[in-house]
Protein backbone atom coordinates (compact mmCIF):
# COMPACT_ATOMS: atom_id res chain seq x y z
CA MET A 1 63.27 81.26 77.84
CA PRO A 2 65.34 79.39 80.48
CA ARG A 3 65.98 81.05 83.81
CA ILE A 4 69.59 81.59 84.85
CA ALA A 5 70.34 81.27 88.54
CA LEU A 6 72.22 84.28 89.95
CA THR A 7 75.07 82.63 91.77
CA PRO A 8 77.36 84.65 94.03
CA ARG A 9 80.14 84.34 91.45
CA ILE A 10 77.97 85.80 88.68
CA ALA A 11 76.73 88.57 90.98
CA LEU A 12 80.30 89.47 91.96
CA THR A 13 81.39 89.52 88.32
CA ILE A 14 78.50 91.78 87.32
CA THR A 15 79.24 94.11 90.23
CA ALA A 16 82.95 94.27 89.39
CA ILE A 17 82.25 95.05 85.73
CA ALA A 18 79.74 97.74 86.64
CA THR A 19 82.16 99.31 89.11
CA MET A 20 85.03 99.36 86.63
CA ALA A 21 82.79 100.76 83.90
CA THR A 22 81.73 103.70 86.06
CA ALA A 23 85.16 104.49 87.54
CA SER A 24 86.84 107.60 86.26
CA PRO A 25 90.25 107.19 84.59
CA ALA A 26 91.99 109.00 87.44
CA LEU A 27 90.69 106.47 89.94
CA ALA A 28 91.57 103.52 87.74
CA LYS A 29 95.27 104.35 87.52
CA GLY A 30 97.20 101.25 88.48
CA CYS A 31 94.04 99.17 88.79
CA LEU A 32 94.22 97.32 85.48
CA LYS A 33 97.82 96.23 85.87
CA GLY A 34 97.22 95.15 89.47
CA ALA A 35 94.02 93.35 88.52
CA ALA A 36 95.78 91.39 85.81
CA VAL A 37 98.57 90.32 88.15
CA GLY A 38 96.09 89.51 90.93
CA ALA A 39 93.90 87.43 88.61
CA VAL A 40 96.86 85.34 87.48
CA ALA A 41 98.02 84.86 91.07
CA GLY A 42 94.48 83.96 92.17
CA HIS A 43 94.17 81.48 89.33
CA TYR A 44 97.26 79.64 90.54
CA VAL A 45 96.03 79.64 94.15
CA GLY A 46 92.92 77.66 93.31
CA LYS A 47 89.58 77.42 91.62
CA GLY A 48 87.46 80.55 91.95
CA HIS A 49 90.18 82.76 93.36
CA ALA A 50 90.93 84.65 90.13
CA VAL A 51 88.12 87.17 90.69
CA MET A 52 89.16 87.78 94.29
CA GLY A 53 92.76 88.12 93.17
CA ALA A 54 91.76 90.64 90.51
CA ALA A 55 89.82 92.72 93.03
CA ALA A 56 92.68 92.70 95.52
CA GLY A 57 95.21 93.41 92.77
CA CYS A 58 93.17 96.38 91.57
CA TRP A 59 93.05 97.82 95.07
CA ILE A 60 96.78 97.34 95.65
CA GLY A 61 97.68 98.65 92.18
CA HIS A 62 95.61 101.78 92.73
CA HIS A 63 97.13 102.29 96.18
CA ARG A 64 100.69 102.00 94.83
CA ALA A 65 99.94 104.36 91.91
CA ALA A 66 98.46 106.96 94.25
CA LYS A 67 101.44 106.64 96.59
CA ALA A 68 103.86 107.15 93.67
CA ALA A 69 101.87 110.17 92.46
CA ARG A 70 102.03 111.76 95.94
CA ALA A 71 105.78 111.16 96.12
CA GLN A 72 106.31 112.66 92.67
CA LYS A 73 104.20 115.71 93.57
CA ALA A 74 106.18 116.21 96.78
CA GLN A 75 109.47 115.90 94.88
CA GLN A 76 108.34 118.50 92.34
CA ALA A 77 107.31 120.84 95.17
CA ARG A 78 110.79 120.52 96.75
CA ALA A 79 112.46 121.15 93.39
CA HIS A 80 110.58 124.43 92.87
CA ARG A 81 111.64 125.97 96.19
């Protein structure tokens, strides 16, 4: 059986897949959309940047979704006063 070298790119991909597989749905809100946009943007930047773009896009997408959820919760609280 041939040995496969564990390059940093493969290790990062395995880590990203394992992290996404164990994340709860509440934490993943906004992540998939952001990751898709980030991967496309990273692909256009240059070779090997799609994975980094996906990771950054996931983080930004989650941040924006959480921010929108907080704003909606605050608006609902003001409406019930």
